[in-house]
Amino acid sequence: MAFYAWTIRVPNRQPIMRVTEIEQLHTVMGVLDLPGLQYAQDITVSVYGGVADSGKFRHVDVEDGFDWSMTWTKVTGATV
């Protein structure tokens, strides 16, 4: 079971920072219902399949100015 440290930054709120399994990141992204996001898994997927060990994504909507971003990185040696 792999853990990821991740941060989601959304306008007008404090950053959401957690260390969880990737499924919880996907769930939070779905709950936030972020524009420009159809499937959270599409952002974190590796070109080789599975989850990329780290990455970042930024969505900018020029029309309404809604700019959100997320970063994640795999945490080695993490236990619950």
PDB file of N, CA and C in Angstrom:
ATOM      1  N   MET A   1       0.842  -1.160   0.000  1.00  0.00           N
ATOM      2  CA  MET A   1       0.000   0.000   0.000  1.00  0.00           C
ATOM      3  C   MET A   1       0.895   1.233   0.000  1.00  0.00           C
ATOM      4  N   ALA A   2       0.716   2.097  -0.986  1.00  0.00           N
ATOM      5  CA  ALA A   2       1.547   3.294  -1.132  1.00  0.00           C
ATOM      6  C   ALA A   2       0.807   4.517  -0.590  1.00  0.00           C
ATOM      7  N   PHE A   3       1.577   5.407  -0.001  1.00  0.00           N
ATOM      8  CA  PHE A   3       1.032   6.663   0.499  1.00  0.00           C
ATOM      9  C   PHE A   3       1.613   7.823  -0.287  1.00  0.00           C
ATOM     10  N   TYR A   4       0.815   8.877  -0.404  1.00  0.00           N
ATOM     11  CA  TYR A   4       1.209  10.066  -1.154  1.00  0.00           C
ATOM     12  C   TYR A   4       0.957  11.306  -0.306  1.00  0.00           C
ATOM     13  N   ALA A   5       1.928  12.213  -0.304  1.00  0.00           N
ATOM     14  CA  ALA A   5       1.727  13.539   0.282  1.00  0.00           C
ATOM     15  C   ALA A   5       1.180  14.406  -0.839  1.00  0.00           C
ATOM     16  N   TRP A   6       0.079  15.091  -0.582  1.00  0.00           N
ATOM     17  CA  TRP A   6      -0.526  15.880  -1.642  1.00  0.00           C
ATOM     18  C   TRP A   6      -1.115  17.179  -1.114  1.00  0.00           C
ATOM     19  N   THR A   7      -1.219  18.129  -2.028  1.00  0.00           N
ATOM     20  CA  THR A   7      -1.790  19.443  -1.715  1.00  0.00           C
ATOM     21  C   THR A   7      -2.685  19.878  -2.868  1.00  0.00           C
ATOM     22  N   ILE A   8      -3.864  20.348  -2.522  1.00  0.00           N
ATOM     23  CA  ILE A   8      -4.770  20.939  -3.502  1.00  0.00           C
ATOM     24  C   ILE A   8      -4.967  22.400  -3.107  1.00  0.00           C
ATOM     25  N   ARG A   9      -4.762  23.284  -4.060  1.00  0.00           N
ATOM     26  CA  ARG A   9      -4.959  24.720  -3.828  1.00  0.00           C
ATOM     27  C   ARG A   9      -6.125  25.196  -4.694  1.00  0.00           C
ATOM     28  N   VAL A  10      -7.121  25.750  -4.005  1.00  0.00           N
ATOM     29  CA  VAL A  10      -8.335  26.231  -4.649  1.00  0.00           C
ATOM     30  C   VAL A  10      -8.549  27.680  -4.204  1.00  0.00           C
ATOM     31  N   PRO A  11      -9.009  28.552  -5.094  1.00  0.00           N
ATOM     32  CA  PRO A  11      -9.216  29.951  -4.717  1.00  0.00           C
ATOM     33  C   PRO A  11     -10.134  30.115  -3.501  1.00  0.00           C
ATOM     34  N   ASN A  12      -9.819  31.097  -2.681  1.00  0.00           N
ATOM     35  CA  ASN A  12     -10.651  31.495  -1.535  1.00  0.00           C
ATOM     36  C   ASN A  12     -10.782  30.435  -0.450  1.00  0.00           C
ATOM     37  N   ARG A  13      -9.787  29.569  -0.326  1.00  0.00           N
ATOM     38  CA  ARG A  13      -9.788  28.619   0.790  1.00  0.00           C
ATOM     39  C   ARG A  13      -8.358  28.211   1.105  1.00  0.00           C
ATOM     40  N   GLN A  14      -8.155  27.705   2.293  1.00  0.00           N
ATOM     41  CA  GLN A  14      -6.840  27.233   2.701  1.00  0.00           C
ATOM     42  C   GLN A  14      -6.462  26.008   1.872  1.00  0.00           C
ATOM     43  N   PRO A  15      -5.172  25.825   1.595  1.00  0.00           N
ATOM     44  CA  PRO A  15      -4.749  24.612   0.880  1.00  0.00           C
ATOM     45  C   PRO A  15      -5.145  23.359   1.670  1.00  0.00           C
ATOM     46  N   ILE A  16      -5.483  22.324   0.954  1.00  0.00           N
ATOM     47  CA  ILE A  16      -5.789  21.030   1.567  1.00  0.00           C
ATOM     48  C   ILE A  16      -4.530  20.190   1.435  1.00  0.00           C
ATOM     49  N   MET A  17      -3.925  19.833   2.570  1.00  0.00           N
ATOM     50  CA  MET A  17      -2.674  19.067   2.572  1.00  0.00           C
ATOM     51  C   MET A  17      -2.887  17.790   3.380  1.00  0.00           C
ATOM     52  N   ARG A  18      -2.566  16.667   2.778  1.00  0.00           N
ATOM     53  CA  ARG A  18      -2.770  15.374   3.431  1.00  0.00           C
ATOM     54  C   ARG A  18      -1.675  14.393   3.021  1.00  0.00           C
ATOM     55  N   VAL A  19      -1.598  13.301   3.783  1.00  0.00           N
ATOM     56  CA  VAL A  19      -0.821  12.125   3.400  1.00  0.00           C
ATOM     57  C   VAL A  19      -1.789  10.956   3.486  1.00  0.00           C
ATOM     58  N   THR A  20      -2.119  10.375   2.327  1.00  0.00           N
ATOM     59  CA  THR A  20      -3.110   9.303   2.258  1.00  0.00           C
ATOM     60  C   THR A  20      -2.753   8.367   1.110  1.00  0.00           C
ATOM     61  N   GLU A  21      -3.583   7.354   0.955  1.00  0.00           N
ATOM     62  CA  GLU A  21      -3.495   6.544  -0.253  1.00  0.00           C
ATOM     63  C   GLU A  21      -4.068   7.369  -1.407  1.00  0.00           C
ATOM     64  N   ILE A  22      -3.710   7.023  -2.617  1.00  0.00           N
ATOM     65  CA  ILE A  22      -4.105   7.820  -3.787  1.00  0.00           C
ATOM     66  C   ILE A  22      -5.627   7.870  -3.963  1.00  0.00           C
ATOM     67  N   GLU A  23      -6.322   6.829  -3.538  1.00  0.00           N
ATOM     68  CA  GLU A  23      -7.772   6.800  -3.679  1.00  0.00           C
ATOM     69  C   GLU A  23      -8.430   7.936  -2.903  1.00  0.00           C
ATOM     70  N   GLN A  24      -7.875   8.278  -1.727  1.00  0.00           N
ATOM     71  CA  GLN A  24      -8.453   9.380  -0.955  1.00  0.00           C
ATOM     72  C   GLN A  24      -8.240  10.720  -1.656  1.00  0.00           C
ATOM     73  N   LEU A  25      -7.106  10.886  -2.324  1.00  0.00           N
ATOM     74  CA  LEU A  25      -6.884  12.101  -3.113  1.00  0.00           C
ATOM     75  C   LEU A  25      -7.938  12.196  -4.211  1.00  0.00           C
ATOM     76  N   HIS A  26      -8.169  11.104  -4.904  1.00  0.00           N
ATOM     77  CA  HIS A  26      -9.168  11.094  -5.972  1.00  0.00           C
ATOM     78  C   HIS A  26     -10.559  11.421  -5.423  1.00  0.00           C
ATOM     79  N   THR A  27     -10.895  10.899  -4.250  1.00  0.00           N
ATOM     80  CA  THR A  27     -12.193  11.166  -3.630  1.00  0.00           C
ATOM     81  C   THR A  27     -12.353  12.646  -3.304  1.00  0.00           C
ATOM     82  N   VAL A  28     -11.337  13.247  -2.700  1.00  0.00           N
ATOM     83  CA  VAL A  28     -11.402  14.672  -2.347  1.00  0.00           C
ATOM     84  C   VAL A  28     -11.559  15.519  -3.603  1.00  0.00           C
ATOM     85  N   MET A  29     -10.830  15.180  -4.645  1.00  0.00           N
ATOM     86  CA  MET A  29     -10.943  15.944  -5.886  1.00  0.00           C
ATOM     87  C   MET A  29     -12.357  15.845  -6.455  1.00  0.00           C
ATOM     88  N   GLY A  30     -12.961  14.675  -6.355  1.00  0.00           N
ATOM     89  CA  GLY A  30     -14.334  14.508  -6.824  1.00  0.00           C
ATOM     90  C   GLY A  30     -15.330  15.305  -5.997  1.00  0.00           C
ATOM     91  N   VAL A  31     -15.144  15.332  -4.681  1.00  0.00           N
ATOM     92  CA  VAL A  31     -16.032  16.089  -3.797  1.00  0.00           C
ATOM     93  C   VAL A  31     -15.939  17.587  -4.092  1.00  0.00           C
ATOM     94  N   LEU A  32     -14.736  18.076  -4.369  1.00  0.00           N
ATOM     95  CA  LEU A  32     -14.553  19.498  -4.674  1.00  0.00           C
ATOM     96  C   LEU A  32     -15.182  19.886  -6.008  1.00  0.00           C
ATOM     97  N   ASP A  33     -15.417  18.908  -6.877  1.00  0.00           N
ATOM     98  CA  ASP A  33     -16.042  19.150  -8.184  1.00  0.00           C
ATOM     99  C   ASP A  33     -15.337  20.283  -8.930  1.00  0.00           C
ATOM    100  N   LEU A  34     -14.047  20.122  -9.111  1.00  0.00           N
ATOM    101  CA  LEU A  34     -13.206  21.155  -9.707  1.00  0.00           C
ATOM    102  C   LEU A  34     -13.443  21.283 -11.209  1.00  0.00           C
ATOM    103  N   PRO A  35     -13.470  22.517 -11.723  1.00  0.00           N
ATOM    104  CA  PRO A  35     -13.644  22.694 -13.165  1.00  0.00           C
ATOM    105  C   PRO A  35     -12.444  22.144 -13.932  1.00  0.00           C
ATOM    106  N   GLY A  36     -12.709  21.629 -15.113  1.00  0.00           N
ATOM    107  CA  GLY A  36     -11.638  21.097 -15.949  1.00  0.00           C
ATOM    108  C   GLY A  36     -11.207  19.699 -15.560  1.00  0.00           C
ATOM    109  N   LEU A  37     -11.946  19.086 -14.645  1.00  0.00           N
ATOM    110  CA  LEU A  37     -11.576  17.758 -14.158  1.00  0.00           C
ATOM    111  C   LEU A  37     -12.722  16.794 -14.405  1.00  0.00           C
ATOM    112  N   GLN A  38     -12.498  15.832 -15.298  1.00  0.00           N
ATOM    113  CA  GLN A  38     -13.527  14.827 -15.516  1.00  0.00           C
ATOM    114  C   GLN A  38     -13.266  13.623 -14.618  1.00  0.00           C
ATOM    115  N   TYR A  39     -12.047  13.103 -14.657  1.00  0.00           N
ATOM    116  CA  TYR A  39     -11.671  11.967 -13.821  1.00  0.00           C
ATOM    117  C   TYR A  39     -10.357  12.285 -13.125  1.00  0.00           C
ATOM    118  N   ALA A  40     -10.348  12.236 -11.805  1.00  0.00           N
ATOM    119  CA  ALA A  40      -9.130  12.535 -11.040  1.00  0.00           C
ATOM    120  C   ALA A  40      -7.998  11.591 -11.419  1.00  0.00           C
ATOM    121  N   GLN A  41      -8.320  10.360 -11.742  1.00  0.00           N
ATOM    122  CA  GLN A  41      -7.306   9.375 -12.100  1.00  0.00           C
ATOM    123  C   GLN A  41      -6.525   9.790 -13.340  1.00  0.00           C
ATOM    124  N   ASP A  42      -7.147  10.559 -14.220  1.00  0.00           N
ATOM    125  CA  ASP A  42      -6.462  11.000 -15.439  1.00  0.00           C
ATOM    126  C   ASP A  42      -5.268  11.892 -15.128  1.00  0.00           C
ATOM    127  N   ILE A  43      -5.315  12.620 -14.028  1.00  0.00           N
ATOM    128  CA  ILE A  43      -4.229  13.529 -13.665  1.00  0.00           C
ATOM    129  C   ILE A  43      -3.057  12.773 -13.056  1.00  0.00           C
ATOM    130  N   THR A  44      -3.332  11.792 -12.215  1.00  0.00           N
ATOM    131  CA  THR A  44      -2.261  11.117 -11.476  1.00  0.00           C
ATOM    132  C   THR A  44      -1.682   9.901 -12.191  1.00  0.00           C
ATOM    133  N   VAL A  45      -2.206   9.562 -13.338  1.00  0.00           N
ATOM    134  CA  VAL A  45      -1.741   8.357 -14.032  1.00  0.00           C
ATOM    135  C   VAL A  45      -0.344   8.557 -14.628  1.00  0.00           C
ATOM    136  N   SER A  46       0.433   7.505 -14.596  1.00  0.00           N
ATOM    137  CA  SER A  46       1.766   7.496 -15.202  1.00  0.00           C
ATOM    138  C   SER A  46       1.640   7.133 -16.678  1.00  0.00           C
ATOM    139  N   VAL A  47       2.598   7.548 -17.479  1.00  0.00           N
ATOM    140  CA  VAL A  47       2.589   7.159 -18.895  1.00  0.00           C
ATOM    141  C   VAL A  47       2.754   5.652 -19.046  1.00  0.00           C
ATOM    142  N   TYR A  48       3.222   4.992 -18.000  1.00  0.00           N
ATOM    143  CA  TYR A  48       3.404   3.539 -18.021  1.00  0.00           C
ATOM    144  C   TYR A  48       2.236   2.809 -17.370  1.00  0.00           C
ATOM    145  N   GLY A  49       1.187   3.531 -17.003  1.00  0.00           N
ATOM    146  CA  GLY A  49       0.067   2.943 -16.288  1.00  0.00           C
ATOM    147  C   GLY A  49       0.290   3.060 -14.793  1.00  0.00           C
ATOM    148  N   GLY A  50      -0.745   2.904 -14.017  1.00  0.00           N
ATOM    149  CA  GLY A  50      -0.615   3.062 -12.574  1.00  0.00           C
ATOM    150  C   GLY A  50      -0.519   4.533 -12.194  1.00  0.00           C
ATOM    151  N   VAL A  51      -0.047   4.778 -10.985  1.00  0.00           N
ATOM    152  CA  VAL A  51       0.048   6.138 -10.462  1.00  0.00           C
ATOM    153  C   VAL A  51       1.480   6.634 -10.571  1.00  0.00           C
ATOM    154  N   ALA A  52       1.643   7.839 -11.080  1.00  0.00           N
ATOM    155  CA  ALA A  52       2.981   8.439 -11.146  1.00  0.00           C
ATOM    156  C   ALA A  52       3.483   8.690  -9.726  1.00  0.00           C
ATOM    157  N   ASP A  53       4.781   8.508  -9.503  1.00  0.00           N
ATOM    158  CA  ASP A  53       5.354   8.714  -8.172  1.00  0.00           C
ATOM    159  C   ASP A  53       5.223  10.156  -7.702  1.00  0.00           C
ATOM    160  N   SER A  54       5.227  11.093  -8.617  1.00  0.00           N
ATOM    161  CA  SER A  54       5.037  12.496  -8.252  1.00  0.00           C
ATOM    162  C   SER A  54       4.536  13.257  -9.470  1.00  0.00           C
ATOM    163  N   GLY A  55       3.996  14.421  -9.204  1.00  0.00           N
ATOM    164  CA  GLY A  55       3.528  15.240 -10.309  1.00  0.00           C
ATOM    165  C   GLY A  55       2.848  16.495  -9.824  1.00  0.00           C
ATOM    166  N   LYS A  56       2.486  17.318 -10.778  1.00  0.00           N
ATOM    167  CA  LYS A  56       1.732  18.529 -10.471  1.00  0.00           C
ATOM    168  C   LYS A  56       0.808  18.822 -11.636  1.00  0.00           C
ATOM    169  N   PHE A  57      -0.271  19.506 -11.326  1.00  0.00           N
ATOM    170  CA  PHE A  57      -1.275  19.835 -12.323  1.00  0.00           C
ATOM    171  C   PHE A  57      -1.840  21.202 -11.973  1.00  0.00           C
ATOM    172  N   ARG A  58      -2.085  22.008 -12.972  1.00  0.00           N
ATOM    173  CA  ARG A  58      -2.692  23.323 -12.762  1.00  0.00           C
ATOM    174  C   ARG A  58      -3.766  23.537 -13.820  1.00  0.00           C
ATOM    175  N   HIS A  59      -4.906  24.010 -13.372  1.00  0.00           N
ATOM    176  CA  HIS A  59      -6.006  24.342 -14.278  1.00  0.00           C
ATOM    177  C   HIS A  59      -6.274  25.836 -14.163  1.00  0.00           C
ATOM    178  N   VAL A  60      -6.268  26.518 -15.282  1.00  0.00           N
ATOM    179  CA  VAL A  60      -6.559  27.954 -15.314  1.00  0.00           C
ATOM    180  C   VAL A  60      -7.712  28.184 -16.276  1.00  0.00           C
ATOM    181  N   ASP A  61      -8.768  28.779 -15.781  1.00  0.00           N
ATOM    182  CA  ASP A  61      -9.892  29.157 -16.627  1.00  0.00           C
ATOM    183  C   ASP A  61      -9.786  30.655 -16.882  1.00  0.00           C
ATOM    184  N   VAL A  62      -9.407  31.018 -18.077  1.00  0.00           N
ATOM    185  CA  VAL A  62      -9.169  32.416 -18.424  1.00  0.00           C
ATOM    186  C   VAL A  62     -10.450  33.242 -18.307  1.00  0.00           C
ATOM    187  N   GLU A  63     -11.581  32.645 -18.626  1.00  0.00           N
ATOM    188  CA  GLU A  63     -12.838  33.399 -18.619  1.00  0.00           C
ATOM    189  C   GLU A  63     -13.290  33.789 -17.218  1.00  0.00           C
ATOM    190  N   ASP A  64     -13.306  32.833 -16.290  1.00  0.00           N
ATOM    191  CA  ASP A  64     -13.793  33.170 -14.948  1.00  0.00           C
ATOM    192  C   ASP A  64     -12.672  33.334 -13.924  1.00  0.00           C
ATOM    193  N   GLY A  65     -11.435  33.088 -14.322  1.00  0.00           N
ATOM    194  CA  GLY A  65     -10.300  33.296 -13.426  1.00  0.00           C
ATOM    195  C   GLY A  65     -10.138  32.240 -12.351  1.00  0.00           C
ATOM    196  N   PHE A  66     -10.880  31.138 -12.447  1.00  0.00           N
ATOM    197  CA  PHE A  66     -10.770  30.079 -11.440  1.00  0.00           C
ATOM    198  C   PHE A  66      -9.511  29.266 -11.718  1.00  0.00           C
ATOM    199  N   ASP A  67      -8.554  29.363 -10.832  1.00  0.00           N
ATOM    200  CA  ASP A  67      -7.234  28.764 -11.008  1.00  0.00           C
ATOM    201  C   ASP A  67      -6.984  27.811  -9.843  1.00  0.00           C
ATOM    202  N   TRP A  68      -6.933  26.512 -10.105  1.00  0.00           N
ATOM    203  CA  TRP A  68      -6.645  25.571  -9.026  1.00  0.00           C
ATOM    204  C   TRP A  68      -5.474  24.688  -9.424  1.00  0.00           C
ATOM    205  N   SER A  69      -4.815  24.117  -8.415  1.00  0.00           N
ATOM    206  CA  SER A  69      -3.655  23.272  -8.693  1.00  0.00           C
ATOM    207  C   SER A  69      -3.553  22.170  -7.653  1.00  0.00           C
ATOM    208  N   MET A  70      -2.793  21.159  -8.005  1.00  0.00           N
ATOM    209  CA  MET A  70      -2.502  20.085  -7.056  1.00  0.00           C
ATOM    210  C   MET A  70      -1.116  19.537  -7.323  1.00  0.00           C
ATOM    211  N   THR A  71      -0.503  19.041  -6.272  1.00  0.00           N
ATOM    212  CA  THR A  71       0.783  18.360  -6.372  1.00  0.00           C
ATOM    213  C   THR A  71       0.699  17.091  -5.536  1.00  0.00           C
ATOM    214  N   TRP A  72       1.480  16.103  -5.910  1.00  0.00           N
ATOM    215  CA  TRP A  72       1.544  14.876  -5.117  1.00  0.00           C
ATOM    216  C   TRP A  72       2.918  14.258  -5.270  1.00  0.00           C
ATOM    217  N   THR A  73       3.314  13.528  -4.244  1.00  0.00           N
ATOM    218  CA  THR A  73       4.568  12.783  -4.295  1.00  0.00           C
ATOM    219  C   THR A  73       4.443  11.546  -3.421  1.00  0.00           C
ATOM    220  N   LYS A  74       4.987  10.467  -3.894  1.00  0.00           N
ATOM    221  CA  LYS A  74       4.938   9.208  -3.161  1.00  0.00           C
ATOM    222  C   LYS A  74       5.837   9.311  -1.937  1.00  0.00           C
ATOM    223  N   VAL A  75       5.338   8.830  -0.809  1.00  0.00           N
ATOM    224  CA  VAL A  75       6.084   8.856   0.442  1.00  0.00           C
ATOM    225  C   VAL A  75       6.597   7.447   0.697  1.00  0.00           C
ATOM    226  N   THR A  76       7.906   7.304   0.775  1.00  0.00           N
ATOM    227  CA  THR A  76       8.475   5.978   1.010  1.00  0.00           C
ATOM    228  C   THR A  76       8.617   5.733   2.500  1.00  0.00           C
ATOM    229  N   GLY A  77       8.368   4.508   2.891  1.00  0.00           N
ATOM    230  CA  GLY A  77       8.528   4.126   4.291  1.00  0.00           C
ATOM    231  C   GLY A  77       7.404   4.583   5.196  1.00  0.00           C
ATOM    232  N   ALA A  78       6.288   5.057   4.646  1.00  0.00           N
ATOM    233  CA  ALA A  78       5.169   5.528   5.466  1.00  0.00           C
ATOM    234  C   ALA A  78       4.378   4.342   5.992  1.00  0.00           C
ATOM    235  N   THR A  79       3.964   4.434   7.241  1.00  0.00           N
ATOM    236  CA  THR A  79       3.105   3.414   7.841  1.00  0.00           C
ATOM    237  C   THR A  79       1.958   4.100   8.560  1.00  0.00           C
ATOM    238  N   VAL A  80       0.894   3.346   8.758  1.00  0.00           N
ATOM    239  CA  VAL A  80      -0.267   3.907   9.457  1.00  0.00           C
ATOM    240  C   VAL A  80      -0.296   3.375  10.859  1.00  0.00           C
TER     241      VAL A  80
END
